[in-house]
Structure formats: structure tokens, C-alpha cells
Amino acid sequence: QLQLVESGGGLVQPGGSLRLSCASSGFTLDHYALGWFRQAPGKEREAVSCIGRSGGVTNYAESVKGRFTISRDNAKKAVYLQMNSLKPEDTAVYYCAAVRTDRADCAPSTNGYDYWGQGTQVTVSS
């Protein structure tokens, strides 16, 4: 069973930065596409970003383009989300997810991933 452990969430001021990390325990990630999702109170879970198994393909939600960057380090069995210029509307619980795949691309879809982390709270407020 693939287990994902998240860290890096917290409280930041608008305009600030935060880096989320998600690490796999045991299993390597070189055959998995990885994604970051978020869910704000009263809203549906939405895709934020995803990255293909080799890191050559990335996708971003329109609302975070130019501000967030997803990356991965297969040697460390980890995926990261660098969040800059944070806005109050970025406040949500952020989830890391993975799906095994033979494809190089990734799908920013909530129903396309089989393994999920526990979620980490990100709060952007002054």
C-alpha cells in the first residue's frame, strides 16, 4: 500500500510563500503521476496542479498559474508545491495524491488518483 505523508502547511500572510512537501513511504514514485488538490470550506475538491511520472509534463489550475510551481524528486520519493504570492482565496486543505501510470502526462482530475495523503491546512490571512 502506497502511503503519502504531507508537511509544510501553516498560516501565512497575503503575498507570502509556502512550500508543501509530500513524501512516499516505502514505494518508489517513478511510475506514478502526482497531483496536488485542495478543498475550501463549502466547496468541492479541486485540482491545483499535477506532474507526470518523469517530471516533464505539468498542469496548473488557471487560478494558480504563475504563482505555484510543482516539482518532484524521485530519488527522495517526494513531490513539492511551491506557493508564492498567496491570496486569501488559496486558503484550503491541500492534499497530495498519486496514481500508477505508464503515461508521461498527468490529469488534473480528482477522480483520477488512487492514493491520497491526509491533507494539510493552508491558511492565508492577515
C-alpha atoms as a PDB file:
ATOM      1  CA  GLN A   1       0.000   0.000   0.000  1.00  0.00           C
ATOM      2  CA  LEU A   2       1.401   3.351  -1.061  1.00  0.00           C
ATOM      3  CA  GLN A   3       1.313   5.885   1.766  1.00  0.00           C
ATOM      4  CA  LEU A   4       1.803   9.614   1.314  1.00  0.00           C
ATOM      5  CA  VAL A   5       2.886  11.901   4.133  1.00  0.00           C
ATOM      6  CA  GLU A   6       2.401  15.656   3.760  1.00  0.00           C
ATOM      7  CA  SER A   7       4.048  18.569   5.520  1.00  0.00           C
ATOM      8  CA  GLY A   8       4.576  22.304   5.166  1.00  0.00           C
ATOM      9  CA  GLY A   9       1.115  23.709   5.747  1.00  0.00           C
ATOM     10  CA  GLY A  10       0.506  26.627   8.042  1.00  0.00           C
ATOM     11  CA  LEU A  11      -0.603  30.226   8.431  1.00  0.00           C
ATOM     12  CA  VAL A  12       0.842  32.890   6.147  1.00  0.00           C
ATOM     13  CA  GLN A  13       0.012  36.490   5.296  1.00  0.00           C
ATOM     14  CA  PRO A  14      -1.301  37.526   1.879  1.00  0.00           C
ATOM     15  CA  GLY A  15       1.586  37.843  -0.544  1.00  0.00           C
ATOM     16  CA  GLY A  16       3.654  35.342   1.380  1.00  0.00           C
ATOM     17  CA  SER A  17       5.073  31.999   0.316  1.00  0.00           C
ATOM     18  CA  LEU A  18       4.760  28.429   1.454  1.00  0.00           C
ATOM     19  CA  ARG A  19       6.273  25.158   0.276  1.00  0.00           C
ATOM     20  CA  LEU A  20       4.328  21.941   0.671  1.00  0.00           C
ATOM     21  CA  SER A  21       6.031  18.562   0.660  1.00  0.00           C
ATOM     22  CA  CYS A  22       4.640  15.084   0.144  1.00  0.00           C
ATOM     23  CA  ALA A  23       6.767  12.001   0.626  1.00  0.00           C
ATOM     24  CA  SER A  24       6.108   8.343  -0.086  1.00  0.00           C
ATOM     25  CA  SER A  25       6.879   5.696   2.492  1.00  0.00           C
ATOM     26  CA  GLY A  26       8.426   2.550   1.072  1.00  0.00           C
ATOM     27  CA  PHE A  27       7.360   2.606  -2.573  1.00  0.00           C
ATOM     28  CA  THR A  28       9.223   4.493  -5.262  1.00  0.00           C
ATOM     29  CA  LEU A  29       7.292   7.070  -7.281  1.00  0.00           C
ATOM     30  CA  ASP A  30       8.934   6.784 -10.699  1.00  0.00           C
ATOM     31  CA  HIS A  31       5.869   5.047 -12.160  1.00  0.00           C
ATOM     32  CA  TYR A  32       3.323   7.393 -10.596  1.00  0.00           C
ATOM     33  CA  ALA A  33       1.786  10.633 -11.718  1.00  0.00           C
ATOM     34  CA  LEU A  34       1.388  13.015  -8.794  1.00  0.00           C
ATOM     35  CA  GLY A  35      -1.025  15.805  -8.056  1.00  0.00           C
ATOM     36  CA  TRP A  36      -1.944  18.489  -5.560  1.00  0.00           C
ATOM     37  CA  PHE A  37      -5.581  19.193  -4.766  1.00  0.00           C
ATOM     38  CA  ARG A  38      -7.347  21.499  -2.367  1.00  0.00           C
ATOM     39  CA  GLN A  39     -10.726  21.852  -0.733  1.00  0.00           C
ATOM     40  CA  ALA A  40     -12.032  25.011   0.865  1.00  0.00           C
ATOM     41  CA  PRO A  41     -14.966  25.008   3.315  1.00  0.00           C
ATOM     42  CA  GLY A  42     -18.243  24.591   1.461  1.00  0.00           C
ATOM     43  CA  LYS A  43     -16.555  23.936  -1.877  1.00  0.00           C
ATOM     44  CA  GLU A  44     -15.771  20.889  -3.980  1.00  0.00           C
ATOM     45  CA  ARG A  45     -12.274  19.490  -4.043  1.00  0.00           C
ATOM     46  CA  GLU A  46     -10.383  20.952  -6.977  1.00  0.00           C
ATOM     47  CA  ALA A  47      -7.191  20.130  -8.787  1.00  0.00           C
ATOM     48  CA  VAL A  48      -4.367  22.594  -8.238  1.00  0.00           C
ATOM     49  CA  SER A  49      -1.539  21.021 -10.180  1.00  0.00           C
ATOM     50  CA  CYS A  50      -0.157  17.714 -11.365  1.00  0.00           C
ATOM     51  CA  ILE A  51       3.132  16.377 -12.667  1.00  0.00           C
ATOM     52  CA  GLY A  52       3.917  13.406 -14.874  1.00  0.00           C
ATOM     53  CA  ARG A  53       5.977  10.421 -13.811  1.00  0.00           C
ATOM     54  CA  SER A  54       9.233  11.836 -15.167  1.00  0.00           C
ATOM     55  CA  GLY A  55       8.526  15.476 -14.366  1.00  0.00           C
ATOM     56  CA  GLY A  56       8.412  16.586 -17.997  1.00  0.00           C
ATOM     57  CA  VAL A  57       4.698  17.348 -18.017  1.00  0.00           C
ATOM     58  CA  THR A  58       2.926  19.674 -15.603  1.00  0.00           C
ATOM     59  CA  ASN A  59      -0.544  21.168 -15.399  1.00  0.00           C
ATOM     60  CA  TYR A  60      -1.902  24.030 -13.317  1.00  0.00           C
ATOM     61  CA  ALA A  61      -5.305  25.380 -12.481  1.00  0.00           C
ATOM     62  CA  GLU A  62      -5.853  28.765 -14.093  1.00  0.00           C
ATOM     63  CA  SER A  63      -6.210  30.376 -10.683  1.00  0.00           C
ATOM     64  CA  VAL A  64      -2.663  29.449  -9.644  1.00  0.00           C
ATOM     65  CA  LYS A  65      -0.718  29.780 -12.895  1.00  0.00           C
ATOM     66  CA  GLY A  66       2.328  31.953 -12.462  1.00  0.00           C
ATOM     67  CA  ARG A  67       2.184  31.679  -8.680  1.00  0.00           C
ATOM     68  CA  PHE A  68       2.505  27.962  -7.895  1.00  0.00           C
ATOM     69  CA  THR A  69       5.156  25.520  -9.082  1.00  0.00           C
ATOM     70  CA  ILE A  70       5.015  21.754  -8.797  1.00  0.00           C
ATOM     71  CA  SER A  71       8.168  19.647  -8.811  1.00  0.00           C
ATOM     72  CA  ARG A  72       9.261  16.147  -7.915  1.00  0.00           C
ATOM     73  CA  ASP A  73      12.350  14.309  -6.790  1.00  0.00           C
ATOM     74  CA  ASN A  74      12.002  10.620  -7.490  1.00  0.00           C
ATOM     75  CA  ALA A  75      15.237   9.831  -5.657  1.00  0.00           C
ATOM     76  CA  LYS A  76      13.689  11.283  -2.499  1.00  0.00           C
ATOM     77  CA  LYS A  77      10.269   9.814  -3.323  1.00  0.00           C
ATOM     78  CA  ALA A  78       8.730  13.243  -2.918  1.00  0.00           C
ATOM     79  CA  VAL A  79       6.647  15.873  -4.665  1.00  0.00           C
ATOM     80  CA  TYR A  80       6.561  19.561  -3.789  1.00  0.00           C
ATOM     81  CA  LEU A  81       4.305  22.553  -4.312  1.00  0.00           C
ATOM     82  CA  GLN A  82       5.942  25.960  -4.095  1.00  0.00           C
ATOM     83  CA  MET A  83       3.271  28.579  -3.485  1.00  0.00           C
ATOM     84  CA  ASN A  84       4.115  32.256  -3.969  1.00  0.00           C
ATOM     85  CA  SER A  85       2.050  35.434  -3.875  1.00  0.00           C
ATOM     86  CA  LEU A  86      -0.543  33.692  -1.763  1.00  0.00           C
ATOM     87  CA  LYS A  87      -4.067  35.070  -1.619  1.00  0.00           C
ATOM     88  CA  PRO A  88      -6.826  34.596   0.960  1.00  0.00           C
ATOM     89  CA  GLU A  89      -8.743  32.534  -1.612  1.00  0.00           C
ATOM     90  CA  ASP A  90      -5.908  29.995  -1.556  1.00  0.00           C
ATOM     91  CA  THR A  91      -6.998  29.022   1.950  1.00  0.00           C
ATOM     92  CA  ALA A  92      -7.918  25.336   1.930  1.00  0.00           C
ATOM     93  CA  VAL A  93      -6.898  21.866   2.965  1.00  0.00           C
ATOM     94  CA  TYR A  94      -4.282  20.712   0.474  1.00  0.00           C
ATOM     95  CA  TYR A  95      -3.965  17.060  -0.497  1.00  0.00           C
ATOM     96  CA  CYS A  96      -1.235  15.137  -2.261  1.00  0.00           C
ATOM     97  CA  ALA A  97      -2.311  12.263  -4.497  1.00  0.00           C
ATOM     98  CA  ALA A  98      -0.729   9.604  -6.705  1.00  0.00           C
ATOM     99  CA  VAL A  99      -1.772   7.193  -9.433  1.00  0.00           C
ATOM    100  CA  ARG A 100       0.274   4.481 -11.082  1.00  0.00           C
ATOM    101  CA  THR A 101       0.654   5.034 -14.800  1.00  0.00           C
ATOM    102  CA  ASP A 102       2.697   4.135 -17.856  1.00  0.00           C
ATOM    103  CA  ARG A 103       1.967   7.516 -19.443  1.00  0.00           C
ATOM    104  CA  ALA A 104       4.242  10.522 -19.312  1.00  0.00           C
ATOM    105  CA  ASP A 105       1.442  13.033 -18.783  1.00  0.00           C
ATOM    106  CA  CYS A 106      -0.926  13.684 -15.892  1.00  0.00           C
ATOM    107  CA  ALA A 107      -4.593  14.514 -15.449  1.00  0.00           C
ATOM    108  CA  PRO A 108      -5.732  17.300 -13.105  1.00  0.00           C
ATOM    109  CA  SER A 109      -8.841  15.354 -12.132  1.00  0.00           C
ATOM    110  CA  THR A 110      -9.936  14.447  -8.614  1.00  0.00           C
ATOM    111  CA  ASN A 111     -11.224  11.022  -9.677  1.00  0.00           C
ATOM    112  CA  GLY A 112      -8.027  10.038 -11.455  1.00  0.00           C
ATOM    113  CA  TYR A 113      -5.904   9.275  -8.403  1.00  0.00           C
ATOM    114  CA  ASP A 114      -5.865   6.212  -6.178  1.00  0.00           C
ATOM    115  CA  TYR A 115      -3.661   7.205  -3.252  1.00  0.00           C
ATOM    116  CA  TRP A 116      -4.139  10.262  -1.078  1.00  0.00           C
ATOM    117  CA  GLY A 117      -2.347  11.971   1.758  1.00  0.00           C
ATOM    118  CA  GLN A 118      -4.032  13.080   4.950  1.00  0.00           C
ATOM    119  CA  GLY A 119      -4.256  16.723   3.933  1.00  0.00           C
ATOM    120  CA  THR A 120      -2.540  19.779   5.350  1.00  0.00           C
ATOM    121  CA  GLN A 121      -4.170  23.088   6.221  1.00  0.00           C
ATOM    122  CA  VAL A 122      -3.053  26.238   4.432  1.00  0.00           C
ATOM    123  CA  THR A 123      -4.468  29.486   5.758  1.00  0.00           C
ATOM    124  CA  VAL A 124      -3.750  32.824   4.104  1.00  0.00           C
ATOM    125  CA  SER A 125      -4.888  35.663   6.314  1.00  0.00           C
ATOM    126  CA  SER A 126      -3.736  38.971   7.712  1.00  0.00           C
END
